[in-house]
Amino acid sequence: MWPILLAFMRTYAPYITLPAAAVIGFVGYNIEKQFRTPPPPRPSIEELRSERLLKEMLETEKVGLDPLKNKTFVPKSVFEKNVSPGIKEE
């Protein structure tokens, strides 16, 4: 009797274990979902960046801005348009 039972189990094991594993996995997943606590909400990257930039702006000293009539931000020629700050002459 035992050899016949073992031969039957060896032959049909994939047909039995796959549905059993699927049912056990489905039930376990739903039980875990019921008892799991959701993670606390985290602020988005954009919010963190905007807060950091605002904090940096408030911490830095206020620099005296040139009036707009001077137009120091406009380059005198085309060659001064994309100059690296390290190369720029003041």
PDB file of N, CA and C in Angstrom:
ATOM      1  N   MET A   1       0.819  -1.196   0.000  1.00  0.00           N
ATOM      2  CA  MET A   1       0.000   0.000   0.000  1.00  0.00           C
ATOM      3  C   MET A   1       0.865   1.262   0.000  1.00  0.00           C
ATOM      4  N   TRP A   2       1.933   1.253   0.825  1.00  0.00           N
ATOM      5  CA  TRP A   2       2.794   2.432   0.893  1.00  0.00           C
ATOM      6  C   TRP A   2       3.491   2.731  -0.443  1.00  0.00           C
ATOM      7  N   PRO A   3       3.999   1.736  -1.132  1.00  0.00           N
ATOM      8  CA  PRO A   3       4.635   2.054  -2.419  1.00  0.00           C
ATOM      9  C   PRO A   3       3.662   2.667  -3.425  1.00  0.00           C
ATOM     10  N   ILE A   4       2.426   2.228  -3.408  1.00  0.00           N
ATOM     11  CA  ILE A   4       1.438   2.793  -4.334  1.00  0.00           C
ATOM     12  C   ILE A   4       1.128   4.245  -3.955  1.00  0.00           C
ATOM     13  N   LEU A   5       0.982   4.508  -2.672  1.00  0.00           N
ATOM     14  CA  LEU A   5       0.696   5.869  -2.196  1.00  0.00           C
ATOM     15  C   LEU A   5       1.865   6.813  -2.501  1.00  0.00           C
ATOM     16  N   LEU A   6       3.106   6.357  -2.269  1.00  0.00           N
ATOM     17  CA  LEU A   6       4.276   7.179  -2.550  1.00  0.00           C
ATOM     18  C   LEU A   6       4.426   7.435  -4.053  1.00  0.00           C
ATOM     19  N   ALA A   7       4.142   6.453  -4.868  1.00  0.00           N
ATOM     20  CA  ALA A   7       4.216   6.641  -6.323  1.00  0.00           C
ATOM     21  C   ALA A   7       3.158   7.642  -6.781  1.00  0.00           C
ATOM     22  N   PHE A   8       1.972   7.573  -6.197  1.00  0.00           N
ATOM     23  CA  PHE A   8       0.906   8.526  -6.533  1.00  0.00           C
ATOM     24  C   PHE A   8       1.316   9.943  -6.133  1.00  0.00           C
ATOM     25  N   MET A   9       1.873  10.113  -4.925  1.00  0.00           N
ATOM     26  CA  MET A   9       2.277  11.438  -4.448  1.00  0.00           C
ATOM     27  C   MET A   9       3.425  11.993  -5.289  1.00  0.00           C
ATOM     28  N   ARG A  10       4.365  11.143  -5.680  1.00  0.00           N
ATOM     29  CA  ARG A  10       5.502  11.582  -6.481  1.00  0.00           C
ATOM     30  C   ARG A  10       5.031  12.012  -7.877  1.00  0.00           C
ATOM     31  N   THR A  11       4.062  11.318  -8.424  1.00  0.00           N
ATOM     32  CA  THR A  11       3.584  11.612  -9.771  1.00  0.00           C
ATOM     33  C   THR A  11       2.750  12.891  -9.809  1.00  0.00           C
ATOM     34  N   TYR A  12       1.855  13.065  -8.857  1.00  0.00           N
ATOM     35  CA  TYR A  12       0.906  14.182  -8.881  1.00  0.00           C
ATOM     36  C   TYR A  12       1.265  15.314  -7.912  1.00  0.00           C
ATOM     37  N   ALA A  13       2.487  15.360  -7.414  1.00  0.00           N
ATOM     38  CA  ALA A  13       2.889  16.407  -6.464  1.00  0.00           C
ATOM     39  C   ALA A  13       2.751  17.815  -7.045  1.00  0.00           C
ATOM     40  N   PRO A  14       3.198  18.103  -8.281  1.00  0.00           N
ATOM     41  CA  PRO A  14       3.039  19.478  -8.789  1.00  0.00           C
ATOM     42  C   PRO A  14       1.578  19.913  -8.916  1.00  0.00           C
ATOM     43  N   TYR A  15       0.705  18.986  -9.238  1.00  0.00           N
ATOM     44  CA  TYR A  15      -0.714  19.335  -9.399  1.00  0.00           C
ATOM     45  C   TYR A  15      -1.392  19.615  -8.061  1.00  0.00           C
ATOM     46  N   ILE A  16      -0.816  19.125  -6.996  1.00  0.00           N
ATOM     47  CA  ILE A  16      -1.402  19.331  -5.672  1.00  0.00           C
ATOM     48  C   ILE A  16      -0.751  20.528  -4.971  1.00  0.00           C
ATOM     49  N   THR A  17       0.578  20.627  -5.063  1.00  0.00           N
ATOM     50  CA  THR A  17       1.272  21.664  -4.301  1.00  0.00           C
ATOM     51  C   THR A  17       1.077  23.064  -4.875  1.00  0.00           C
ATOM     52  N   LEU A  18       0.978  23.218  -6.179  1.00  0.00           N
ATOM     53  CA  LEU A  18       0.817  24.555  -6.748  1.00  0.00           C
ATOM     54  C   LEU A  18      -0.493  25.214  -6.309  1.00  0.00           C
ATOM     55  N   PRO A  19      -1.643  24.564  -6.428  1.00  0.00           N
ATOM     56  CA  PRO A  19      -2.871  25.219  -5.938  1.00  0.00           C
ATOM     57  C   PRO A  19      -2.864  25.422  -4.423  1.00  0.00           C
ATOM     58  N   ALA A  20      -2.280  24.478  -3.691  1.00  0.00           N
ATOM     59  CA  ALA A  20      -2.220  24.633  -2.231  1.00  0.00           C
ATOM     60  C   ALA A  20      -1.355  25.834  -1.867  1.00  0.00           C
ATOM     61  N   ALA A  21      -0.215  25.989  -2.533  1.00  0.00           N
ATOM     62  CA  ALA A  21       0.651  27.132  -2.250  1.00  0.00           C
ATOM     63  C   ALA A  21      -0.031  28.445  -2.636  1.00  0.00           C
ATOM     64  N   ALA A  22      -0.781  28.454  -3.728  1.00  0.00           N
ATOM     65  CA  ALA A  22      -1.488  29.663  -4.146  1.00  0.00           C
ATOM     66  C   ALA A  22      -2.552  30.054  -3.121  1.00  0.00           C
ATOM     67  N   VAL A  23      -3.285  29.084  -2.612  1.00  0.00           N
ATOM     68  CA  VAL A  23      -4.326  29.370  -1.615  1.00  0.00           C
ATOM     69  C   VAL A  23      -3.699  29.864  -0.319  1.00  0.00           C
ATOM     70  N   ILE A  24      -2.642  29.204   0.126  1.00  0.00           N
ATOM     71  CA  ILE A  24      -1.974  29.615   1.369  1.00  0.00           C
ATOM     72  C   ILE A  24      -1.387  31.020   1.205  1.00  0.00           C
ATOM     73  N   GLY A  25      -0.783  31.305   0.060  1.00  0.00           N
ATOM     74  CA  GLY A  25      -0.230  32.635  -0.175  1.00  0.00           C
ATOM     75  C   GLY A  25      -1.289  33.712  -0.215  1.00  0.00           C
ATOM     76  N   PHE A  26      -2.413  33.442  -0.854  1.00  0.00           N
ATOM     77  CA  PHE A  26      -3.503  34.404  -0.939  1.00  0.00           C
ATOM     78  C   PHE A  26      -4.072  34.718   0.441  1.00  0.00           C
ATOM     79  N   VAL A  27      -4.299  33.670   1.224  1.00  0.00           N
ATOM     80  CA  VAL A  27      -4.849  33.860   2.577  1.00  0.00           C
ATOM     81  C   VAL A  27      -3.846  34.617   3.444  1.00  0.00           C
ATOM     82  N   GLY A  28      -2.579  34.250   3.384  1.00  0.00           N
ATOM     83  CA  GLY A  28      -1.567  34.935   4.184  1.00  0.00           C
ATOM     84  C   GLY A  28      -1.412  36.393   3.811  1.00  0.00           C
ATOM     85  N   TYR A  29      -1.469  36.681   2.515  1.00  0.00           N
ATOM     86  CA  TYR A  29      -1.356  38.065   2.057  1.00  0.00           C
ATOM     87  C   TYR A  29      -2.503  38.910   2.608  1.00  0.00           C
ATOM     88  N   ASN A  30      -3.717  38.391   2.551  1.00  0.00           N
ATOM     89  CA  ASN A  30      -4.868  39.158   3.041  1.00  0.00           C
ATOM     90  C   ASN A  30      -4.849  39.308   4.553  1.00  0.00           C
ATOM     91  N   ILE A  31      -4.404  38.305   5.273  1.00  0.00           N
ATOM     92  CA  ILE A  31      -4.299  38.426   6.736  1.00  0.00           C
ATOM     93  C   ILE A  31      -3.249  39.476   7.090  1.00  0.00           C
ATOM     94  N   GLU A  32      -2.117  39.442   6.408  1.00  0.00           N
ATOM     95  CA  GLU A  32      -1.067  40.422   6.686  1.00  0.00           C
ATOM     96  C   GLU A  32      -1.535  41.836   6.349  1.00  0.00           C
ATOM     97  N   LYS A  33      -2.315  41.990   5.297  1.00  0.00           N
ATOM     98  CA  LYS A  33      -2.818  43.302   4.912  1.00  0.00           C
ATOM     99  C   LYS A  33      -3.759  43.864   5.982  1.00  0.00           C
ATOM    100  N   GLN A  34      -4.499  42.996   6.655  1.00  0.00           N
ATOM    101  CA  GLN A  34      -5.422  43.446   7.695  1.00  0.00           C
ATOM    102  C   GLN A  34      -4.684  43.990   8.913  1.00  0.00           C
ATOM    103  N   PHE A  35      -3.552  43.404   9.264  1.00  0.00           N
ATOM    104  CA  PHE A  35      -2.857  43.765  10.494  1.00  0.00           C
ATOM    105  C   PHE A  35      -1.709  44.743  10.292  1.00  0.00           C
ATOM    106  N   ARG A  36      -1.353  45.018   9.052  1.00  0.00           N
ATOM    107  CA  ARG A  36      -0.234  45.915   8.781  1.00  0.00           C
ATOM    108  C   ARG A  36      -0.665  47.351   8.995  1.00  0.00           C
ATOM    109  N   THR A  37       0.214  48.146   9.615  1.00  0.00           N
ATOM    110  CA  THR A  37      -0.057  49.575   9.768  1.00  0.00           C
ATOM    111  C   THR A  37       0.612  50.310   8.610  1.00  0.00           C
ATOM    112  N   PRO A  38      -0.066  51.274   8.037  1.00  0.00           N
ATOM    113  CA  PRO A  38       0.536  51.986   6.905  1.00  0.00           C
ATOM    114  C   PRO A  38       1.698  52.854   7.384  1.00  0.00           C
ATOM    115  N   PRO A  39       2.707  53.037   6.557  1.00  0.00           N
ATOM    116  CA  PRO A  39       3.837  53.885   6.960  1.00  0.00           C
ATOM    117  C   PRO A  39       3.404  55.341   7.062  1.00  0.00           C
ATOM    118  N   PRO A  40       4.075  56.112   7.915  1.00  0.00           N
ATOM    119  CA  PRO A  40       3.690  57.521   8.032  1.00  0.00           C
ATOM    120  C   PRO A  40       3.983  58.256   6.733  1.00  0.00           C
ATOM    121  N   PRO A  41       3.147  59.223   6.391  1.00  0.00           N
ATOM    122  CA  PRO A  41       3.364  59.952   5.129  1.00  0.00           C
ATOM    123  C   PRO A  41       4.649  60.775   5.194  1.00  0.00           C
ATOM    124  N   ARG A  42       5.415  60.726   4.114  1.00  0.00           N
ATOM    125  CA  ARG A  42       6.655  61.491   4.034  1.00  0.00           C
ATOM    126  C   ARG A  42       6.434  62.682   3.115  1.00  0.00           C
ATOM    127  N   PRO A  43       7.070  63.812   3.429  1.00  0.00           N
ATOM    128  CA  PRO A  43       6.913  64.961   2.526  1.00  0.00           C
ATOM    129  C   PRO A  43       7.602  64.678   1.194  1.00  0.00           C
ATOM    130  N   SER A  44       7.085  65.272   0.145  1.00  0.00           N
ATOM    131  CA  SER A  44       7.639  65.035  -1.177  1.00  0.00           C
ATOM    132  C   SER A  44       8.992  65.729  -1.316  1.00  0.00           C
ATOM    133  N   ILE A  45       9.738  65.342  -2.321  1.00  0.00           N
ATOM    134  CA  ILE A  45      11.051  65.917  -2.572  1.00  0.00           C
ATOM    135  C   ILE A  45      10.923  67.408  -2.904  1.00  0.00           C
ATOM    136  N   GLU A  46       9.876  67.760  -3.633  1.00  0.00           N
ATOM    137  CA  GLU A  46       9.675  69.170  -3.985  1.00  0.00           C
ATOM    138  C   GLU A  46       9.431  70.020  -2.733  1.00  0.00           C
ATOM    139  N   GLU A  47       8.646  69.496  -1.787  1.00  0.00           N
ATOM    140  CA  GLU A  47       8.393  70.239  -0.558  1.00  0.00           C
ATOM    141  C   GLU A  47       9.669  70.393   0.252  1.00  0.00           C
ATOM    142  N   LEU A  48      10.466  69.314   0.363  1.00  0.00           N
ATOM    143  CA  LEU A  48      11.726  69.399   1.100  1.00  0.00           C
ATOM    144  C   LEU A  48      12.671  70.414   0.460  1.00  0.00           C
ATOM    145  N   ARG A  49      12.732  70.409  -0.860  1.00  0.00           N
ATOM    146  CA  ARG A  49      13.623  71.335  -1.562  1.00  0.00           C
ATOM    147  C   ARG A  49      13.172  72.772  -1.367  1.00  0.00           C
ATOM    148  N   SER A  50      11.870  73.018  -1.494  1.00  0.00           N
ATOM    149  CA  SER A  50      11.383  74.393  -1.344  1.00  0.00           C
ATOM    150  C   SER A  50      11.595  74.892   0.088  1.00  0.00           C
ATOM    151  N   GLU A  51      11.401  74.026   1.082  1.00  0.00           N
ATOM    152  CA  GLU A  51      11.650  74.426   2.470  1.00  0.00           C
ATOM    153  C   GLU A  51      13.129  74.718   2.698  1.00  0.00           C
ATOM    154  N   ARG A  52      14.010  73.876   2.119  1.00  0.00           N
ATOM    155  CA  ARG A  52      15.439  74.084   2.285  1.00  0.00           C
ATOM    156  C   ARG A  52      15.879  75.385   1.620  1.00  0.00           C
ATOM    157  N   LEU A  53      15.379  75.659   0.405  1.00  0.00           N
ATOM    158  CA  LEU A  53      15.739  76.898  -0.280  1.00  0.00           C
ATOM    159  C   LEU A  53      15.229  78.121   0.471  1.00  0.00           C
ATOM    160  N   LEU A  54      14.026  78.034   1.005  1.00  0.00           N
ATOM    161  CA  LEU A  54      13.476  79.148   1.778  1.00  0.00           C
ATOM    162  C   LEU A  54      14.301  79.381   3.036  1.00  0.00           C
ATOM    163  N   LYS A  55      14.700  78.312   3.688  1.00  0.00           N
ATOM    164  CA  LYS A  55      15.520  78.418   4.892  1.00  0.00           C
ATOM    165  C   LYS A  55      16.877  79.044   4.572  1.00  0.00           C
ATOM    166  N   GLU A  56      17.482  78.624   3.445  1.00  0.00           N
ATOM    167  CA  GLU A  56      18.762  79.202   3.042  1.00  0.00           C
ATOM    168  C   GLU A  56      18.625  80.677   2.718  1.00  0.00           C
ATOM    169  N   MET A  57      17.529  81.041   2.067  1.00  0.00           N
ATOM    170  CA  MET A  57      17.321  82.448   1.728  1.00  0.00           C
ATOM    171  C   MET A  57      17.162  83.300   2.977  1.00  0.00           C
ATOM    172  N   LEU A  58      16.475  82.784   3.993  1.00  0.00           N
ATOM    173  CA  LEU A  58      16.272  83.537   5.220  1.00  0.00           C
ATOM    174  C   LEU A  58      17.548  83.631   6.043  1.00  0.00           C
ATOM    175  N   GLU A  59      18.408  82.605   5.953  1.00  0.00           N
ATOM    176  CA  GLU A  59      19.629  82.603   6.751  1.00  0.00           C
ATOM    177  C   GLU A  59      20.731  83.470   6.150  1.00  0.00           C
ATOM    178  N   THR A  60      20.755  83.604   4.856  1.00  0.00           N
ATOM    179  CA  THR A  60      21.821  84.381   4.224  1.00  0.00           C
ATOM    180  C   THR A  60      21.598  85.873   4.482  1.00  0.00           C
ATOM    181  N   GLU A  61      22.696  86.582   4.434  1.00  0.00           N
ATOM    182  CA  GLU A  61      22.602  88.033   4.628  1.00  0.00           C
ATOM    183  C   GLU A  61      21.971  88.664   3.391  1.00  0.00           C
ATOM    184  N   LYS A  62      21.254  89.717   3.647  1.00  0.00           N
ATOM    185  CA  LYS A  62      20.644  90.408   2.516  1.00  0.00           C
ATOM    186  C   LYS A  62      21.721  91.193   1.782  1.00  0.00           C
ATOM    187  N   VAL A  63      21.844  90.904   0.521  1.00  0.00           N
ATOM    188  CA  VAL A  63      22.848  91.557  -0.309  1.00  0.00           C
ATOM    189  C   VAL A  63      22.215  92.784  -0.938  1.00  0.00           C
ATOM    190  N   GLY A  64      22.965  93.860  -0.975  1.00  0.00           N
ATOM    191  CA  GLY A  64      22.459  95.076  -1.607  1.00  0.00           C
ATOM    192  C   GLY A  64      22.340  94.851  -3.109  1.00  0.00           C
ATOM    193  N   LEU A  65      21.137  94.886  -3.606  1.00  0.00           N
ATOM    194  CA  LEU A  65      20.910  94.653  -5.021  1.00  0.00           C
ATOM    195  C   LEU A  65      21.091  95.947  -5.803  1.00  0.00           C
ATOM    196  N   ASP A  66      21.666  95.814  -6.980  1.00  0.00           N
ATOM    197  CA  ASP A  66      21.802  96.974  -7.851  1.00  0.00           C
ATOM    198  C   ASP A  66      20.432  97.354  -8.382  1.00  0.00           C
ATOM    199  N   PRO A  67      20.205  98.638  -8.547  1.00  0.00           N
ATOM    200  CA  PRO A  67      18.920  99.030  -9.148  1.00  0.00           C
ATOM    201  C   PRO A  67      18.834  98.555 -10.594  1.00  0.00           C
ATOM    202  N   LEU A  68      17.653  98.397 -11.088  1.00  0.00           N
ATOM    203  CA  LEU A  68      17.445  97.897 -12.435  1.00  0.00           C
ATOM    204  C   LEU A  68      17.909  98.872 -13.506  1.00  0.00           C
ATOM    205  N   LYS A  69      18.053 100.150 -13.172  1.00  0.00           N
ATOM    206  CA  LYS A  69      18.487 101.127 -14.156  1.00  0.00           C
ATOM    207  C   LYS A  69      19.932 100.895 -14.585  1.00  0.00           C
ATOM    208  N   ASN A  70      20.738 100.293 -13.717  1.00  0.00           N
ATOM    209  CA  ASN A  70      22.147 100.049 -14.051  1.00  0.00           C
ATOM    210  C   ASN A  70      22.298  98.924 -15.068  1.00  0.00           C
ATOM    211  N   LYS A  71      21.403  97.982 -15.079  1.00  0.00           N
ATOM    212  CA  LYS A  71      21.405  96.839 -16.000  1.00  0.00           C
ATOM    213  C   LYS A  71      22.735  96.095 -15.997  1.00  0.00           C
ATOM    214  N   THR A  72      23.199  95.750 -14.819  1.00  0.00           N
ATOM    215  CA  THR A  72      24.463  95.006 -14.712  1.00  0.00           C
ATOM    216  C   THR A  72      24.297  93.552 -15.121  1.00  0.00           C
ATOM    217  N   PHE A  73      23.092  93.095 -15.193  1.00  0.00           N
ATOM    218  CA  PHE A  73      22.841  91.703 -15.553  1.00  0.00           C
ATOM    219  C   PHE A  73      22.853  91.477 -17.053  1.00  0.00           C
ATOM    220  N   VAL A  74      22.876  92.539 -17.851  1.00  0.00           N
ATOM    221  CA  VAL A  74      22.874  92.417 -19.301  1.00  0.00           C
ATOM    222  C   VAL A  74      24.327  92.397 -19.785  1.00  0.00           C
ATOM    223  N   PRO A  75      24.738  91.400 -20.574  1.00  0.00           N
ATOM    224  CA  PRO A  75      26.124  91.373 -21.058  1.00  0.00           C
ATOM    225  C   PRO A  75      26.372  92.473 -22.087  1.00  0.00           C
ATOM    226  N   LYS A  76      27.635  92.949 -22.100  1.00  0.00           N
ATOM    227  CA  LYS A  76      27.983  94.028 -23.027  1.00  0.00           C
ATOM    228  C   LYS A  76      28.175  93.498 -24.437  1.00  0.00           C
ATOM    229  N   SER A  77      28.594  92.239 -24.542  1.00  0.00           N
ATOM    230  CA  SER A  77      28.758  91.634 -25.862  1.00  0.00           C
ATOM    231  C   SER A  77      28.273  90.189 -25.821  1.00  0.00           C
ATOM    232  N   VAL A  78      28.240  89.570 -26.992  1.00  0.00           N
ATOM    233  CA  VAL A  78      27.777  88.190 -27.096  1.00  0.00           C
ATOM    234  C   VAL A  78      28.733  87.242 -26.373  1.00  0.00           C
ATOM    235  N   PHE A  79      30.017  87.595 -26.346  1.00  0.00           N
ATOM    236  CA  PHE A  79      31.027  86.725 -25.756  1.00  0.00           C
ATOM    237  C   PHE A  79      30.949  86.666 -24.239  1.00  0.00           C
ATOM    238  N   GLU A  80      30.266  87.589 -23.619  1.00  0.00           N
ATOM    239  CA  GLU A  80      30.112  87.598 -22.161  1.00  0.00           C
ATOM    240  C   GLU A  80      28.832  86.910 -21.726  1.00  0.00           C
ATOM    241  N   LYS A  81      28.134  86.318 -22.642  1.00  0.00           N
ATOM    242  CA  LYS A  81      26.819  85.770 -22.334  1.00  0.00           C
ATOM    243  C   LYS A  81      26.889  84.521 -21.449  1.00  0.00           C
ATOM    244  N   ASN A  82      27.695  83.525 -21.801  1.00  0.00           N
ATOM    245  CA  ASN A  82      27.778  82.274 -21.043  1.00  0.00           C
ATOM    246  C   ASN A  82      29.166  82.089 -20.460  1.00  0.00           C
ATOM    247  N   VAL A  83      29.584  83.009 -19.633  1.00  0.00           N
ATOM    248  CA  VAL A  83      30.911  82.958 -19.034  1.00  0.00           C
ATOM    249  C   VAL A  83      30.807  82.292 -17.665  1.00  0.00           C
ATOM    250  N   SER A  84      31.739  81.387 -17.410  1.00  0.00           N
ATOM    251  CA  SER A  84      31.788  80.704 -16.124  1.00  0.00           C
ATOM    252  C   SER A  84      32.103  81.710 -15.022  1.00  0.00           C
ATOM    253  N   PRO A  85      31.532  81.532 -13.832  1.00  0.00           N
ATOM    254  CA  PRO A  85      31.811  82.496 -12.748  1.00  0.00           C
ATOM    255  C   PRO A  85      33.294  82.557 -12.373  1.00  0.00           C
ATOM    256  N   GLY A  86      34.035  81.464 -12.576  1.00  0.00           N
ATOM    257  CA  GLY A  86      35.463  81.485 -12.261  1.00  0.00           C
ATOM    258  C   GLY A  86      36.265  82.322 -13.237  1.00  0.00           C
ATOM    259  N   ILE A  87      35.810  82.465 -14.454  1.00  0.00           N
ATOM    260  CA  ILE A  87      36.514  83.213 -15.483  1.00  0.00           C
ATOM    261  C   ILE A  87      36.071  84.679 -15.514  1.00  0.00           C
ATOM    262  N   LYS A  88      34.905  84.933 -15.023  1.00  0.00           N
ATOM    263  CA  LYS A  88      34.307  86.260 -15.106  1.00  0.00           C
ATOM    264  C   LYS A  88      35.167  87.291 -14.369  1.00  0.00           C
ATOM    265  N   GLU A  89      35.407  88.411 -15.007  1.00  0.00           N
ATOM    266  CA  GLU A  89      36.161  89.497 -14.395  1.00  0.00           C
ATOM    267  C   GLU A  89      35.184  90.485 -13.779  1.00  0.00           C
ATOM    268  N   GLU A  90      35.543  90.935 -12.612  1.00  0.00           N
ATOM    269  CA  GLU A  90      34.663  91.915 -11.963  1.00  0.00           C
ATOM    270  C   GLU A  90      35.336  93.245 -11.862  1.00  0.00           C
TER     271      GLU A  90
END
